[in-house]
Amino acid sequence: MRLRGKEEVEACGYGWEDRGARCDEFLEVMRRLWTEEVVDFHGKWVNFESCRLDPKPIQKPHAPIIVGGHGAPSLRRAVRFGAGWYGFSLDPAATRDALVQLDAAFAKAGRTRGPEFEIIITPPIGMPVNAMEEYAALGVHRLVGNLGSQRAEGVDARLAEIAPLVGAFG
């Protein structure tokens, strides 16, 4: 049985209702551990004193955080913590709508989305090759192919289908 969404969260022992707040706290902990020598942290889910994490990331200020999700809390999280945003199974029209919402989240935070904020999209299976130009026009930096399967034979079949796309974007 393949778990999805709520079932995946609950199978990990977490509550569905507080998953976003928990994620925010985890991201804050990681960001501090990556950038501070010694960290004391006392949150709702994470508590420790005098913790150090070494080695620190070579990227400065830390490893890029790409936040996924389509809802307002996910977009707010991307603005607060992210170096980019990831949208899954979005055609160009849905991508355009999501970017409008993302820009509204930036505005609410008193910021604007700069060109360094990376937009990554996985198009729906079956998206025509010529749609890549539409994604580029929207400012999408990277497209991630949907393999549509986790079984070897399914992946092999899908790779053959998307082979003509490799190198066609960017």
Protein backbone atom coordinates (compact mmCIF):
# COMPACT_ATOMS: atom_id res chain seq x y z
CA MET A 1 0.00 0.00 0.00
CA ARG A 2 1.35 3.44 -0.96
CA LEU A 3 0.72 6.17 1.59
CA ARG A 4 -0.08 9.71 0.52
CA GLY A 5 -0.24 13.05 2.30
CA LYS A 6 -1.92 12.75 5.66
CA GLU A 7 -1.19 9.03 5.92
CA GLU A 8 2.53 9.62 5.32
CA VAL A 9 2.70 12.28 8.03
CA GLU A 10 0.83 10.15 10.55
CA ALA A 11 2.92 7.05 9.69
CA CYS A 12 5.99 9.07 10.78
CA GLY A 13 4.35 9.69 14.15
CA TYR A 14 3.47 13.34 13.57
CA GLY A 15 0.16 15.15 13.67
CA TRP A 16 -1.38 16.35 10.43
CA GLU A 17 -2.72 19.53 11.99
CA ASP A 18 0.62 20.75 13.33
CA ARG A 19 2.88 19.60 10.48
CA GLY A 20 3.47 23.12 9.18
CA ALA A 21 4.39 24.62 12.55
CA ARG A 22 6.65 21.62 13.19
CA CYS A 23 8.34 22.14 9.83
CA ASP A 24 8.88 25.84 10.60
CA GLU A 25 10.54 24.93 13.89
CA PHE A 26 12.76 22.28 12.28
CA LEU A 27 13.85 24.74 9.57
CA GLU A 28 14.67 27.37 12.19
CA VAL A 29 16.73 24.82 14.16
CA MET A 30 18.66 23.75 11.05
CA ARG A 31 19.29 27.32 9.95
CA ARG A 32 20.68 28.21 13.38
CA LEU A 33 22.80 25.04 13.63
CA TRP A 34 24.26 25.77 10.19
CA THR A 35 25.15 29.40 10.99
CA GLU A 36 25.93 29.62 14.73
CA GLU A 37 28.81 28.02 16.60
CA VAL A 38 26.76 26.83 19.60
CA VAL A 39 22.96 26.83 19.74
CA ASP A 40 20.48 26.73 22.60
CA PHE A 41 16.96 26.04 21.35
CA HIS A 42 13.72 25.70 23.28
CA GLY A 43 10.73 25.17 21.03
CA LYS A 44 7.52 23.20 21.14
CA TRP A 45 9.04 20.08 19.47
CA VAL A 46 12.79 20.60 19.70
CA ASN A 47 14.72 21.39 22.89
CA PHE A 48 18.46 21.34 23.48
CA GLU A 49 21.25 23.34 25.05
CA SER A 50 24.80 23.98 23.92
CA CYS A 51 24.52 22.00 20.71
CA ARG A 52 27.04 22.38 17.93
CA LEU A 53 26.90 21.06 14.41
CA ASP A 54 30.12 20.55 12.52
CA PRO A 55 31.19 20.73 9.83
CA LYS A 56 29.16 23.74 8.76
CA PRO A 57 27.86 23.90 5.19
CA ILE A 58 30.32 25.35 2.69
CA GLN A 59 27.48 27.35 1.11
CA LYS A 60 26.96 30.73 2.76
CA PRO A 61 25.04 31.50 4.78
CA HIS A 62 23.93 27.84 4.61
CA ALA A 63 22.76 25.15 2.23
CA PRO A 64 19.90 26.43 0.06
CA ILE A 65 16.46 25.55 1.35
CA ILE A 66 13.89 24.86 -1.35
CA VAL A 67 10.36 24.76 0.07
CA GLY A 68 7.61 22.86 -1.69
CA GLY A 69 3.86 23.06 -1.41
CA HIS A 70 0.98 24.91 -2.96
CA GLY A 71 -0.94 26.26 0.04
CA ALA A 72 -0.57 29.68 1.65
CA PRO A 73 1.41 28.28 4.63
CA SER A 74 3.89 26.61 2.28
CA LEU A 75 4.35 29.80 0.29
CA ARG A 76 4.83 31.79 3.51
CA ARG A 77 7.43 29.20 4.59
CA ALA A 78 9.22 29.55 1.24
CA VAL A 79 9.41 33.32 1.70
CA ARG A 80 10.60 33.03 5.31
CA PHE A 81 13.16 30.23 4.96
CA GLY A 82 13.65 29.50 1.30
CA ALA A 83 16.14 30.13 -1.42
CA GLY A 84 13.48 28.82 -3.76
CA TRP A 85 10.09 27.22 -4.22
CA TYR A 86 9.09 23.87 -5.72
CA GLY A 87 5.72 23.14 -7.29
CA PHE A 88 4.67 19.62 -8.26
CA SER A 89 2.52 18.63 -11.22
CA LEU A 90 1.80 22.18 -12.33
CA ASP A 91 1.06 23.13 -15.91
CA PRO A 92 2.06 26.65 -17.04
CA ALA A 93 -1.31 28.18 -16.10
CA ALA A 94 -1.22 26.68 -12.60
CA THR A 95 2.42 27.75 -12.28
CA ARG A 96 1.45 31.32 -13.21
CA ASP A 97 -1.30 31.30 -10.55
CA ALA A 98 1.06 29.88 -7.93
CA LEU A 99 3.68 32.54 -8.69
CA VAL A 100 1.06 35.27 -8.22
CA GLN A 101 0.30 33.78 -4.79
CA LEU A 102 4.02 33.46 -4.02
CA ASP A 103 4.58 37.11 -4.93
CA ALA A 104 1.67 38.07 -2.67
CA ALA A 105 3.35 36.16 0.17
CA PHE A 106 6.56 38.10 -0.51
CA ALA A 107 4.62 41.38 -0.48
CA LYS A 108 2.95 40.46 2.81
CA ALA A 109 6.44 39.92 4.25
CA GLY A 110 7.50 43.35 2.93
CA ARG A 111 9.79 41.88 0.28
CA THR A 112 9.86 41.18 -3.42
CA ARG A 113 10.95 37.97 -5.11
CA GLY A 114 14.33 38.47 -6.71
CA PRO A 115 15.83 36.60 -9.65
CA GLU A 116 18.05 34.61 -7.25
CA PHE A 117 14.96 32.99 -5.67
CA GLU A 118 14.81 29.73 -7.60
CA ILE A 119 11.55 28.41 -9.06
CA ILE A 120 11.50 24.67 -9.70
CA ILE A 121 8.51 22.89 -11.24
CA THR A 122 7.61 19.30 -12.03
CA PRO A 123 5.19 19.46 -14.97
CA PRO A 124 2.33 16.97 -15.19
CA ILE A 125 3.04 13.76 -17.06
CA GLY A 126 2.27 14.26 -20.73
CA MET A 127 3.15 17.98 -20.82
CA PRO A 128 4.20 18.76 -24.43
CA VAL A 129 7.78 19.79 -25.11
CA ASN A 130 6.72 23.21 -26.40
CA ALA A 131 5.30 24.02 -22.93
CA MET A 132 8.88 24.41 -21.73
CA GLU A 133 9.02 27.80 -23.42
CA GLU A 134 5.96 28.87 -21.40
CA TYR A 135 7.68 27.82 -18.16
CA ALA A 136 10.80 29.75 -19.16
CA ALA A 137 8.72 32.85 -19.92
CA LEU A 138 7.25 32.60 -16.40
CA GLY A 139 10.74 32.66 -14.90
CA VAL A 140 10.98 28.98 -14.00
CA HIS A 141 14.63 28.11 -13.42
CA ARG A 142 14.41 24.31 -13.53
CA LEU A 143 12.00 21.62 -14.58
CA VAL A 144 12.14 18.26 -12.82
CA GLY A 145 10.84 15.33 -14.84
CA ASN A 146 8.11 13.18 -13.36
CA LEU A 147 9.14 9.55 -13.65
CA GLY A 148 5.61 8.42 -12.78
CA SER A 149 6.75 5.20 -11.09
CA GLN A 150 9.12 3.81 -8.51
CA ARG A 151 9.44 0.44 -10.22
CA ALA A 152 12.44 -0.13 -12.48
CA GLU A 153 10.40 -1.05 -15.54
CA GLY A 154 8.19 2.02 -15.12
CA VAL A 155 11.17 4.31 -14.71
CA ASP A 156 12.85 2.81 -17.78
CA ALA A 157 9.73 3.37 -19.87
CA ARG A 158 9.34 6.95 -18.65
CA LEU A 159 13.01 7.78 -19.27
CA ALA A 160 12.58 6.69 -22.88
CA GLU A 161 9.57 9.03 -23.19
CA ILE A 162 11.31 12.08 -21.73
CA ALA A 163 14.74 11.53 -23.33
CA PRO A 164 14.02 14.08 -26.10
CA LEU A 165 13.45 16.74 -23.41
CA VAL A 166 16.87 16.42 -21.83
CA GLY A 167 18.88 19.51 -22.64
CA ALA A 168 15.96 21.17 -24.43
CA PHE A 169 15.28 23.60 -21.55
CA GLY A 170 17.97 26.03 -20.48
